[in-house]
PDB file of N, CA and C in Angstrom:
ATOM      1  N   MET A   1      -8.103   6.169 -20.110  1.00  0.00           N
ATOM      2  CA  MET A   1      -8.790   5.348 -19.118  1.00  0.00           C
ATOM      3  C   MET A   1      -7.937   5.198 -17.863  1.00  0.00           C
ATOM      4  N   THR A   2      -6.621   5.027 -18.079  1.00  0.00           N
ATOM      5  CA  THR A   2      -5.726   4.849 -16.940  1.00  0.00           C
ATOM      6  C   THR A   2      -5.700   6.101 -16.076  1.00  0.00           C
ATOM      7  N   TYR A   3      -5.718   7.276 -16.722  1.00  0.00           N
ATOM      8  CA  TYR A   3      -5.690   8.515 -15.955  1.00  0.00           C
ATOM      9  C   TYR A   3      -6.957   8.681 -15.118  1.00  0.00           C
ATOM     10  N   PHE A   4      -8.082   8.296 -15.656  1.00  0.00           N
ATOM     11  CA  PHE A   4      -9.344   8.397 -14.918  1.00  0.00           C
ATOM     12  C   PHE A   4      -9.335   7.466 -13.702  1.00  0.00           C
ATOM     13  N   ILE A   5      -8.904   6.235 -13.894  1.00  0.00           N
ATOM     14  CA  ILE A   5      -8.860   5.285 -12.771  1.00  0.00           C
ATOM     15  C   ILE A   5      -7.845   5.739 -11.726  1.00  0.00           C
ATOM     16  N   THR A   6      -6.725   6.295 -12.180  1.00  0.00           N
ATOM     17  CA  THR A   6      -5.730   6.805 -11.232  1.00  0.00           C
ATOM     18  C   THR A   6      -6.293   7.976 -10.437  1.00  0.00           C
ATOM     19  N   PHE A   7      -7.031   8.854 -11.099  1.00  0.00           N
ATOM     20  CA  PHE A   7      -7.663   9.981 -10.398  1.00  0.00           C
ATOM     21  C   PHE A   7      -8.650   9.481  -9.344  1.00  0.00           C
ATOM     22  N   ILE A   8      -9.495   8.530  -9.699  1.00  0.00           N
ATOM     23  CA  ILE A   8     -10.459   7.951  -8.752  1.00  0.00           C
ATOM     24  C   ILE A   8      -9.711   7.278  -7.599  1.00  0.00           C
ATOM     25  N   HIS A   9      -8.608   6.601  -7.913  1.00  0.00           N
ATOM     26  CA  HIS A   9      -7.818   5.903  -6.897  1.00  0.00           C
ATOM     27  C   HIS A   9      -7.234   6.889  -5.884  1.00  0.00           C
ATOM     28  N   VAL A  10      -6.638   7.976  -6.359  1.00  0.00           N
ATOM     29  CA  VAL A  10      -6.048   8.971  -5.457  1.00  0.00           C
ATOM     30  C   VAL A  10      -7.128   9.672  -4.644  1.00  0.00           C
ATOM     31  N   LEU A  11      -8.240   9.995  -5.277  1.00  0.00           N
ATOM     32  CA  LEU A  11      -9.354  10.624  -4.561  1.00  0.00           C
ATOM     33  C   LEU A  11      -9.893   9.696  -3.470  1.00  0.00           C
ATOM     34  N   THR A  12     -10.005   8.413  -3.783  1.00  0.00           N
ATOM     35  CA  THR A  12     -10.463   7.435  -2.793  1.00  0.00           C
ATOM     36  C   THR A  12      -9.485   7.345  -1.623  1.00  0.00           C
ATOM     37  N   CYS A  13      -8.188   7.381  -1.923  1.00  0.00           N
ATOM     38  CA  CYS A  13      -7.183   7.339  -0.855  1.00  0.00           C
ATOM     39  C   CYS A  13      -7.356   8.513   0.113  1.00  0.00           C
ATOM     40  N   LEU A  14      -7.538   9.701  -0.435  1.00  0.00           N
ATOM     41  CA  LEU A  14      -7.707  10.881   0.416  1.00  0.00           C
ATOM     42  C   LEU A  14      -8.994  10.805   1.232  1.00  0.00           C
ATOM     43  N   LEU A  15     -10.054  10.290   0.619  1.00  0.00           N
ATOM     44  CA  LEU A  15     -11.322  10.166   1.351  1.00  0.00           C
ATOM     45  C   LEU A  15     -11.244   9.098   2.449  1.00  0.00           C
ATOM     46  N   ILE A  16     -10.496   8.029   2.211  1.00  0.00           N
ATOM     47  CA  ILE A  16     -10.322   7.013   3.253  1.00  0.00           C
ATOM     48  C   ILE A  16      -9.579   7.606   4.444  1.00  0.00           C
ATOM     49  N   VAL A  17      -8.540   8.369   4.173  1.00  0.00           N
ATOM     50  CA  VAL A  17      -7.782   9.004   5.260  1.00  0.00           C
ATOM     51  C   VAL A  17      -8.698   9.925   6.067  1.00  0.00           C
ATOM     52  N   ALA A  18      -9.502  10.726   5.377  1.00  0.00           N
ATOM     53  CA  ALA A  18     -10.416  11.638   6.075  1.00  0.00           C
ATOM     54  C   ALA A  18     -11.463  10.867   6.880  1.00  0.00           C
ATOM     55  N   ALA A  19     -12.012   9.802   6.310  1.00  0.00           N
ATOM     56  CA  ALA A  19     -13.048   9.038   7.011  1.00  0.00           C
ATOM     57  C   ALA A  19     -12.489   8.357   8.250  1.00  0.00           C
ATOM     58  N   VAL A  20     -11.273   7.840   8.162  1.00  0.00           N
ATOM     59  CA  VAL A  20     -10.681   7.171   9.319  1.00  0.00           C
ATOM     60  C   VAL A  20     -10.340   8.186  10.407  1.00  0.00           C
ATOM     61  N   LEU A  21      -9.823   9.344  10.016  1.00  0.00           N
ATOM     62  CA  LEU A  21      -9.473  10.349  11.019  1.00  0.00           C
ATOM     63  C   LEU A  21     -10.701  10.963  11.686  1.00  0.00           C
ATOM     64  N   LEU A  22     -11.834  10.978  11.009  1.00  0.00           N
ATOM     65  CA  LEU A  22     -13.047  11.530  11.603  1.00  0.00           C
ATOM     66  C   LEU A  22     -13.722  10.576  12.576  1.00  0.00           C
ATOM     67  N   GLN A  23     -13.405   9.307  12.508  1.00  0.00           N
ATOM     68  CA  GLN A  23     -14.037   8.346  13.417  1.00  0.00           C
ATOM     69  C   GLN A  23     -13.485   8.535  14.822  1.00  0.00           C
ATOM     70  N   SER A  24     -14.351   8.340  15.790  1.00  0.00           N
ATOM     71  CA  SER A  24     -13.932   8.499  17.179  1.00  0.00           C
ATOM     72  C   SER A  24     -13.292   7.206  17.680  1.00  0.00           C
ATOM     73  N   GLY A  25     -12.377   7.367  18.625  1.00  0.00           N
ATOM     74  CA  GLY A  25     -11.698   6.210  19.186  1.00  0.00           C
ATOM     75  C   GLY A  25     -12.545   5.506  20.221  1.00  0.00           C
ATOM     76  N   LYS A  26     -11.977   4.470  20.841  1.00  0.00           N
ATOM     77  CA  LYS A  26     -12.719   3.694  21.835  1.00  0.00           C
ATOM     78  C   LYS A  26     -12.944   4.481  23.115  1.00  0.00           C
ATOM     79  N   GLY A  27     -12.052   5.389  23.449  1.00  0.00           N
ATOM     80  CA  GLY A  27     -12.178   6.152  24.690  1.00  0.00           C
ATOM     81  C   GLY A  27     -12.926   7.451  24.529  1.00  0.00           C
ATOM     82  N   ALA A  28     -13.659   7.631  23.451  1.00  0.00           N
ATOM     83  CA  ALA A  28     -14.341   8.902  23.203  1.00  0.00           C
ATOM     84  C   ALA A  28     -15.582   9.076  24.071  1.00  0.00           C
ATOM     85  N   GLU A  29     -16.086   7.994  24.660  1.00  0.00           N
ATOM     86  CA  GLU A  29     -17.309   8.105  25.465  1.00  0.00           C
ATOM     87  C   GLU A  29     -17.046   8.590  26.883  1.00  0.00           C
ATOM     88  N   THR A  30     -15.808   8.668  27.310  1.00  0.00           N
ATOM     89  CA  THR A  30     -15.525   9.075  28.692  1.00  0.00           C
ATOM     90  C   THR A  30     -15.902  10.519  28.950  1.00  0.00           C
ATOM     91  N   GLY A  31     -15.896  11.368  27.937  1.00  0.00           N
ATOM     92  CA  GLY A  31     -16.312  12.755  28.123  1.00  0.00           C
ATOM     93  C   GLY A  31     -17.784  12.866  28.453  1.00  0.00           C
ATOM     94  N   VAL A  32     -18.601  11.951  27.956  1.00  0.00           N
ATOM     95  CA  VAL A  32     -20.034  11.964  28.238  1.00  0.00           C
ATOM     96  C   VAL A  32     -20.285  11.573  29.686  1.00  0.00           C
ATOM     97  N   MET A  33     -19.482  10.649  30.230  1.00  0.00           N
ATOM     98  CA  MET A  33     -19.679  10.217  31.618  1.00  0.00           C
ATOM     99  C   MET A  33     -19.335  11.332  32.598  1.00  0.00           C
ATOM    100  N   ILE A  34     -18.399  12.186  32.262  1.00  0.00           N
ATOM    101  CA  ILE A  34     -17.999  13.262  33.163  1.00  0.00           C
ATOM    102  C   ILE A  34     -19.030  14.382  33.151  1.00  0.00           C
ATOM    103  N   GLY A  35     -19.774  14.521  32.109  1.00  0.00           N
ATOM    104  CA  GLY A  35     -20.793  15.553  32.063  1.00  0.00           C
ATOM    105  C   GLY A  35     -20.870  16.239  30.725  1.00  0.00           C
ATOM    106  N   GLY A  36     -20.152  15.733  29.762  1.00  0.00           N
ATOM    107  CA  GLY A  36     -20.198  16.326  28.430  1.00  0.00           C
ATOM    108  C   GLY A  36     -21.491  15.981  27.728  1.00  0.00           C
ATOM    109  N   SER A  37     -21.732  16.615  26.630  1.00  0.00           N
ATOM    110  CA  SER A  37     -22.956  16.393  25.878  1.00  0.00           C
ATOM    111  C   SER A  37     -22.726  15.319  24.813  1.00  0.00           C
ATOM    112  N   SER A  38     -23.746  14.509  24.583  1.00  0.00           N
ATOM    113  CA  SER A  38     -23.640  13.484  23.544  1.00  0.00           C
ATOM    114  C   SER A  38     -24.385  13.899  22.287  1.00  0.00           C
ATOM    115  N   GLN A  39     -24.783  15.171  22.210  1.00  0.00           N
ATOM    116  CA  GLN A  39     -25.503  15.652  21.046  1.00  0.00           C
ATOM    117  C   GLN A  39     -24.534  15.876  19.890  1.00  0.00           C
ATOM    118  N   SER A  40     -24.937  15.481  18.746  1.00  0.00           N
ATOM    119  CA  SER A  40     -24.138  15.752  17.551  1.00  0.00           C
ATOM    120  C   SER A  40     -25.082  15.916  16.383  1.00  0.00           C
ATOM    121  N   MET A  41     -24.559  16.362  15.266  1.00  0.00           N
ATOM    122  CA  MET A  41     -25.428  16.580  14.116  1.00  0.00           C
ATOM    123  C   MET A  41     -25.831  15.274  13.440  1.00  0.00           C
ATOM    124  N   PHE A  42     -25.173  14.153  13.787  1.00  0.00           N
ATOM    125  CA  PHE A  42     -25.516  12.862  13.196  1.00  0.00           C
ATOM    126  C   PHE A  42     -26.495  12.074  14.053  1.00  0.00           C
ATOM    127  N   GLY A  43     -26.860  12.567  15.214  1.00  0.00           N
ATOM    128  CA  GLY A  43     -27.788  11.851  16.081  1.00  0.00           C
ATOM    129  C   GLY A  43     -27.121  11.431  17.377  1.00  0.00           C
ATOM    130  N   ALA A  44     -27.806  10.597  18.159  1.00  0.00           N
ATOM    131  CA  ALA A  44     -27.302  10.199  19.475  1.00  0.00           C
ATOM    132  C   ALA A  44     -26.069   9.305  19.375  1.00  0.00           C
ATOM    133  N   GLN A  45     -26.000   8.467  18.353  1.00  0.00           N
ATOM    134  CA  GLN A  45     -24.849   7.574  18.203  1.00  0.00           C
ATOM    135  C   GLN A  45     -23.664   8.281  17.569  1.00  0.00           C
ATOM    136  N   GLY A  46     -23.864   9.476  17.096  1.00  0.00           N
ATOM    137  CA  GLY A  46     -22.783  10.182  16.433  1.00  0.00           C
ATOM    138  C   GLY A  46     -22.677   9.750  14.980  1.00  0.00           C
ATOM    139  N   ALA A  47     -21.506   9.951  14.417  1.00  0.00           N
ATOM    140  CA  ALA A  47     -21.298   9.644  12.997  1.00  0.00           C
ATOM    141  C   ALA A  47     -20.756   8.244  12.783  1.00  0.00           C
ATOM    142  N   THR A  48     -20.727   7.431  13.839  1.00  0.00           N
ATOM    143  CA  THR A  48     -20.093   6.116  13.741  1.00  0.00           C
ATOM    144  C   THR A  48     -20.707   5.216  12.672  1.00  0.00           C
ATOM    145  N   PRO A  49     -22.024   5.013  12.621  1.00  0.00           N
ATOM    146  CA  PRO A  49     -22.566   4.119  11.592  1.00  0.00           C
ATOM    147  C   PRO A  49     -22.315   4.644  10.167  1.00  0.00           C
ATOM    148  N   PHE A  50     -22.479   5.951   9.971  1.00  0.00           N
ATOM    149  CA  PHE A  50     -22.284   6.528   8.649  1.00  0.00           C
ATOM    150  C   PHE A  50     -20.827   6.407   8.215  1.00  0.00           C
ATOM    151  N   LEU A  51     -19.902   6.764   9.103  1.00  0.00           N
ATOM    152  CA  LEU A  51     -18.487   6.716   8.743  1.00  0.00           C
ATOM    153  C   LEU A  51     -17.989   5.288   8.567  1.00  0.00           C
ATOM    154  N   SER A  52     -18.548   4.354   9.324  1.00  0.00           N
ATOM    155  CA  SER A  52     -18.165   2.945   9.148  1.00  0.00           C
ATOM    156  C   SER A  52     -18.589   2.425   7.782  1.00  0.00           C
ATOM    157  N   LYS A  53     -19.818   2.732   7.382  1.00  0.00           N
ATOM    158  CA  LYS A  53     -20.294   2.300   6.070  1.00  0.00           C
ATOM    159  C   LYS A  53     -19.522   2.996   4.953  1.00  0.00           C
ATOM    160  N   LEU A  54     -19.215   4.279   5.152  1.00  0.00           N
ATOM    161  CA  LEU A  54     -18.449   5.013   4.160  1.00  0.00           C
ATOM    162  C   LEU A  54     -17.047   4.429   3.997  1.00  0.00           C
ATOM    163  N   THR A  55     -16.438   4.031   5.105  1.00  0.00           N
ATOM    164  CA  THR A  55     -15.104   3.438   5.059  1.00  0.00           C
ATOM    165  C   THR A  55     -15.125   2.114   4.309  1.00  0.00           C
ATOM    166  N   VAL A  56     -16.154   1.310   4.509  1.00  0.00           N
ATOM    167  CA  VAL A  56     -16.267   0.028   3.807  1.00  0.00           C
ATOM    168  C   VAL A  56     -16.431   0.253   2.306  1.00  0.00           C
ATOM    169  N   VAL A  57     -17.267   1.205   1.938  1.00  0.00           N
ATOM    170  CA  VAL A  57     -17.484   1.494   0.516  1.00  0.00           C
ATOM    171  C   VAL A  57     -16.202   2.026  -0.116  1.00  0.00           C
ATOM    172  N   LEU A  58     -15.520   2.935   0.566  1.00  0.00           N
ATOM    173  CA  LEU A  58     -14.277   3.491   0.026  1.00  0.00           C
ATOM    174  C   LEU A  58     -13.182   2.429  -0.072  1.00  0.00           C
ATOM    175  N   ALA A  59     -13.127   1.529   0.895  1.00  0.00           N
ATOM    176  CA  ALA A  59     -12.130   0.454   0.834  1.00  0.00           C
ATOM    177  C   ALA A  59     -12.407  -0.472  -0.349  1.00  0.00           C
ATOM    178  N   THR A  60     -13.674  -0.719  -0.629  1.00  0.00           N
ATOM    179  CA  THR A  60     -14.030  -1.550  -1.775  1.00  0.00           C
ATOM    180  C   THR A  60     -13.640  -0.867  -3.086  1.00  0.00           C
ATOM    181  N   VAL A  61     -13.920   0.422  -3.185  1.00  0.00           N
ATOM    182  CA  VAL A  61     -13.535   1.167  -4.389  1.00  0.00           C
ATOM    183  C   VAL A  61     -12.017   1.187  -4.531  1.00  0.00           C
ATOM    184  N   PHE A  62     -11.303   1.338  -3.412  1.00  0.00           N
ATOM    185  CA  PHE A  62      -9.839   1.337  -3.438  1.00  0.00           C
ATOM    186  C   PHE A  62      -9.305   0.008  -3.969  1.00  0.00           C
ATOM    187  N   MET A  63      -9.862  -1.096  -3.498  1.00  0.00           N
ATOM    188  CA  MET A  63      -9.391  -2.406  -3.955  1.00  0.00           C
ATOM    189  C   MET A  63      -9.696  -2.624  -5.440  1.00  0.00           C
ATOM    190  N   VAL A  64     -10.875  -2.204  -5.881  1.00  0.00           N
ATOM    191  CA  VAL A  64     -11.233  -2.379  -7.287  1.00  0.00           C
ATOM    192  C   VAL A  64     -10.317  -1.547  -8.178  1.00  0.00           C
ATOM    193  N   THR A  65     -10.054  -0.301  -7.801  1.00  0.00           N
ATOM    194  CA  THR A  65      -9.171   0.531  -8.621  1.00  0.00           C
ATOM    195  C   THR A  65      -7.735   0.015  -8.581  1.00  0.00           C
ATOM    196  N   SER A  66      -7.300  -0.515  -7.438  1.00  0.00           N
ATOM    197  CA  SER A  66      -5.955  -1.079  -7.357  1.00  0.00           C
ATOM    198  C   SER A  66      -5.800  -2.267  -8.299  1.00  0.00           C
ATOM    199  N   LEU A  67      -6.752  -3.174  -8.261  1.00  0.00           N
ATOM    200  CA  LEU A  67      -6.704  -4.338  -9.151  1.00  0.00           C
ATOM    201  C   LEU A  67      -6.824  -3.927 -10.616  1.00  0.00           C
ATOM    202  N   SER A  68      -7.661  -2.943 -10.902  1.00  0.00           N
ATOM    203  CA  SER A  68      -7.819  -2.479 -12.285  1.00  0.00           C
ATOM    204  C   SER A  68      -6.516  -1.896 -12.813  1.00  0.00           C
ATOM    205  N   LEU A  69      -5.869  -1.056 -12.018  1.00  0.00           N
ATOM    206  CA  LEU A  69      -4.600  -0.461 -12.450  1.00  0.00           C
ATOM    207  C   LEU A  69      -3.523  -1.524 -12.617  1.00  0.00           C
ATOM    208  N   ALA A  70      -3.504  -2.500 -11.742  1.00  0.00           N
ATOM    209  CA  ALA A  70      -2.505  -3.572 -11.854  1.00  0.00           C
ATOM    210  C   ALA A  70      -2.725  -4.387 -13.132  1.00  0.00           C
ATOM    211  N   LEU A  71      -3.972  -4.700 -13.441  1.00  0.00           N
ATOM    212  CA  LEU A  71      -4.260  -5.467 -14.655  1.00  0.00           C
ATOM    213  C   LEU A  71      -3.971  -4.670 -15.923  1.00  0.00           C
ATOM    214  N   ILE A  72      -4.288  -3.387 -15.902  1.00  0.00           N
ATOM    215  CA  ILE A  72      -4.020  -2.546 -17.070  1.00  0.00           C
ATOM    216  C   ILE A  72      -2.520  -2.439 -17.300  1.00  0.00           C
ATOM    217  N   LYS A  73      -1.766  -2.217 -16.245  1.00  0.00           N
ATOM    218  CA  LYS A  73      -0.318  -2.089 -16.388  1.00  0.00           C
ATOM    219  C   LYS A  73       0.328  -3.422 -16.762  1.00  0.00           C
ATOM    220  N   GLN A  74      -0.201  -4.522 -16.289  1.00  0.00           N
ATOM    221  CA  GLN A  74       0.354  -5.824 -16.635  1.00  0.00           C
ATOM    222  C   GLN A  74       0.195  -6.095 -18.130  1.00  0.00           C
ATOM    223  N   ASN A  75      -0.941  -5.778 -18.669  1.00  0.00           N
ATOM    224  CA  ASN A  75      -1.172  -5.998 -20.096  1.00  0.00           C
ATOM    225  C   ASN A  75      -0.353  -5.041 -20.952  1.00  0.00           C
ATOM    226  N   ALA A  76      -0.075  -3.839 -20.455  1.00  0.00           N
ATOM    227  CA  ALA A  76       0.677  -2.855 -21.228  1.00  0.00           C
ATOM    228  C   ALA A  76       2.166  -3.188 -21.265  1.00  0.00           C
ATOM    229  N   VAL A  77       2.699  -3.717 -20.194  1.00  0.00           N
ATOM    230  CA  VAL A  77       4.133  -3.962 -20.092  1.00  0.00           C
ATOM    231  C   VAL A  77       4.499  -5.341 -20.603  1.00  0.00           C
ATOM    232  N   GLY A  78       3.754  -6.326 -20.281  1.00  0.00           N
ATOM    233  CA  GLY A  78       4.086  -7.696 -20.645  1.00  0.00           C
ATOM    234  C   GLY A  78       4.178  -8.536 -19.389  1.00  0.00           C
ATOM    235  N   PRO A  79       4.556  -9.784 -19.530  1.00  0.00           N
ATOM    236  CA  PRO A  79       4.561 -10.667 -18.371  1.00  0.00           C
ATOM    237  C   PRO A  79       5.610 -10.306 -17.324  1.00  0.00           C
ATOM    238  N   SER A  80       6.784  -9.836 -17.747  1.00  0.00           N
ATOM    239  CA  SER A  80       7.828  -9.527 -16.785  1.00  0.00           C
ATOM    240  C   SER A  80       8.805  -8.544 -17.391  1.00  0.00           C
ATOM    241  N   LEU A  81       9.281  -7.636 -16.580  1.00  0.00           N
ATOM    242  CA  LEU A  81      10.303  -6.706 -17.040  1.00  0.00           C
ATOM    243  C   LEU A  81      11.651  -7.392 -17.163  1.00  0.00           C
ATOM    244  N   LEU A  82      11.895  -8.380 -16.337  1.00  0.00           N
ATOM    245  CA  LEU A  82      13.188  -9.045 -16.355  1.00  0.00           C
ATOM    246  C   LEU A  82      13.370  -9.933 -17.576  1.00  0.00           C
ATOM    247  N   LEU A  83      12.290 -10.520 -18.073  1.00  0.00           N
ATOM    248  CA  LEU A  83      12.398 -11.376 -19.244  1.00  0.00           C
ATOM    249  C   LEU A  83      12.695 -10.582 -20.510  1.00  0.00           C
ATOM    250  N   ASN A  84      12.212  -9.343 -20.575  1.00  0.00           N
ATOM    251  CA  ASN A  84      12.401  -8.516 -21.752  1.00  0.00           C
ATOM    252  C   ASN A  84      13.598  -7.580 -21.620  1.00  0.00           C
ATOM    253  N   SER A  85      14.390  -7.746 -20.603  1.00  0.00           N
ATOM    254  CA  SER A  85      15.496  -6.833 -20.328  1.00  0.00           C
ATOM    255  C   SER A  85      16.645  -7.046 -21.313  1.00  0.00           C
ATOM    256  N   PRO A  86      17.244  -5.942 -21.823  1.00  0.00           N
ATOM    257  CA  PRO A  86      18.381  -6.085 -22.727  1.00  0.00           C
ATOM    258  C   PRO A  86      19.682  -6.403 -21.990  1.00  0.00           C
ATOM    259  N   VAL A  87      19.689  -6.309 -20.674  1.00  0.00           N
ATOM    260  CA  VAL A  87      20.896  -6.581 -19.896  1.00  0.00           C
ATOM    261  C   VAL A  87      21.110  -8.085 -19.830  1.00  0.00           C
ATOM    262  N   LYS A  88      22.272  -8.519 -20.219  1.00  0.00           N
ATOM    263  CA  LYS A  88      22.602  -9.945 -20.191  1.00  0.00           C
ATOM    264  C   LYS A  88      23.424 -10.250 -18.949  1.00  0.00           C
ATOM    265  N   ALA A  89      23.436 -11.499 -18.581  1.00  0.00           N
ATOM    266  CA  ALA A  89      24.205 -11.925 -17.408  1.00  0.00           C
ATOM    267  C   ALA A  89      25.704 -11.846 -17.717  1.00  0.00           C
ATOM    268  N   LEU A  90      26.481 -11.539 -16.706  1.00  0.00           N
ATOM    269  CA  LEU A  90      27.925 -11.487 -16.874  1.00  0.00           C
ATOM    270  C   LEU A  90      28.474 -12.891 -17.095  1.00  0.00           C
ATOM    271  N   PRO A  91      29.479 -13.020 -17.948  1.00  0.00           N
ATOM    272  CA  PRO A  91      30.043 -14.354 -18.158  1.00  0.00           C
ATOM    273  C   PRO A  91      30.813 -14.803 -16.925  1.00  0.00           C
ATOM    274  N   THR A  92      30.750 -16.081 -16.663  1.00  0.00           N
ATOM    275  CA  THR A  92      31.469 -16.623 -15.509  1.00  0.00           C
ATOM    276  C   THR A  92      32.914 -16.922 -15.917  1.00  0.00           C
ATOM    277  N   PRO A  93      33.853 -16.625 -15.030  1.00  0.00           N
ATOM    278  CA  PRO A  93      35.254 -16.894 -15.374  1.00  0.00           C
ATOM    279  C   PRO A  93      35.494 -18.398 -15.447  1.00  0.00           C
ATOM    280  N   PRO A  94      36.444 -18.819 -16.276  1.00  0.00           N
ATOM    281  CA  PRO A  94      36.719 -20.258 -16.376  1.00  0.00           C
ATOM    282  C   PRO A  94      37.303 -20.789 -15.075  1.00  0.00           C
ATOM    283  N   VAL A  95      36.923 -21.987 -14.745  1.00  0.00           N
ATOM    284  CA  VAL A  95      37.380 -22.619 -13.510  1.00  0.00           C
ATOM    285  C   VAL A  95      38.653 -23.398 -13.819  1.00  0.00           C
ATOM    286  N   SER A  96      39.687 -23.108 -13.050  1.00  0.00           N
ATOM    287  CA  SER A  96      40.974 -23.774 -13.238  1.00  0.00           C
ATOM    288  C   SER A  96      41.068 -24.964 -12.296  1.00  0.00           C
ATOM    289  N   SER A  97      41.661 -26.058 -12.780  1.00  0.00           N
ATOM    290  CA  SER A  97      41.823 -27.229 -11.922  1.00  0.00           C
ATOM    291  C   SER A  97      43.173 -27.224 -11.220  1.00  0.00           C
ATOM    292  N   ALA A  98      43.984 -26.204 -11.465  1.00  0.00           N
ATOM    293  CA  ALA A  98      45.301 -26.122 -10.816  1.00  0.00           C
ATOM    294  C   ALA A  98      45.115 -25.694  -9.364  1.00  0.00           C
ATOM    295  N   PRO A  99      45.993 -26.163  -8.490  1.00  0.00           N
ATOM    296  CA  PRO A  99      45.871 -25.755  -7.083  1.00  0.00           C
ATOM    297  C   PRO A  99      46.206 -24.280  -6.915  1.00  0.00           C
ATOM    298  N   ALA A 100      45.674 -23.705  -5.879  1.00  0.00           N
ATOM    299  CA  ALA A 100      45.909 -22.288  -5.597  1.00  0.00           C
ATOM    300  C   ALA A 100      47.355 -22.096  -5.142  1.00  0.00           C
ATOM    301  N   PRO A 101      47.972 -20.956  -5.462  1.00  0.00           N
ATOM    302  CA  PRO A 101      49.346 -20.726  -5.030  1.00  0.00           C
ATOM    303  C   PRO A 101      49.405 -20.579  -3.513  1.00  0.00           C
ATOM    304  N   PRO A 102      50.519 -20.980  -2.903  1.00  0.00           N
ATOM    305  CA  PRO A 102      50.615 -20.867  -1.448  1.00  0.00           C
ATOM    306  C   PRO A 102      50.696 -19.413  -1.010  1.00  0.00           C
ATOM    307  N   VAL A 103      50.122 -19.139   0.146  1.00  0.00           N
ATOM    308  CA  VAL A 103      50.137 -17.798   0.701  1.00  0.00           C
ATOM    309  C   VAL A 103      51.402 -17.639   1.518  1.00  0.00           C
ATOM    310  N   PRO A 104      52.216 -16.588   1.287  1.00  0.00           N
ATOM    311  CA  PRO A 104      53.444 -16.432   2.066  1.00  0.00           C
ATOM    312  C   PRO A 104      53.148 -16.130   3.523  1.00  0.00           C
ATOM    313  N   ALA A 105      53.923 -16.703   4.390  1.00  0.00           N
ATOM    314  CA  ALA A 105      53.733 -16.512   5.836  1.00  0.00           C
ATOM    315  C   ALA A 105      54.304 -15.162   6.242  1.00  0.00           C
ATOM    316  N   LYS A 106      53.610 -14.528   7.177  1.00  0.00           N
ATOM    317  CA  LYS A 106      54.069 -13.232   7.675  1.00  0.00           C
ATOM    318  C   LYS A 106      55.078 -13.457   8.805  1.00  0.00           C
ATOM    319  N   LYS A 107      56.129 -12.650   8.809  1.00  0.00           N
ATOM    320  CA  LYS A 107      57.118 -12.728   9.875  1.00  0.00           C
ATOM    321  C   LYS A 107      56.681 -11.825  11.028  1.00  0.00           C
ATOM    322  N   PRO A 108      56.821 -12.319  12.273  1.00  0.00           N
ATOM    323  CA  PRO A 108      56.393 -11.495  13.425  1.00  0.00           C
ATOM    324  C   PRO A 108      57.315 -10.349  13.729  1.00  0.00           C
TER     325      PRO A 108
END
């Protein structure tokens, strides 16, 4: 199950990148004012409505797969890796109440 969700997650990531890169920027209409054509295979508005809706759907799928993978991994590992760690804390050295030895003065 984890492999399937991971596959869907990676595929969604690649599709989001493609959908965002295919969208036109804010300055894309200046070519039409100079004399360029506004004809496209998606209609007069271009692919903007389709790609915007596709991006929203892909972002939703991305969030669902991210949360699913996080929940699956949390249940598989346990509450925390640090709590189950075999590494113990280093012992602290004993604190002495004796004063520190004087530091010898350097001769110039």
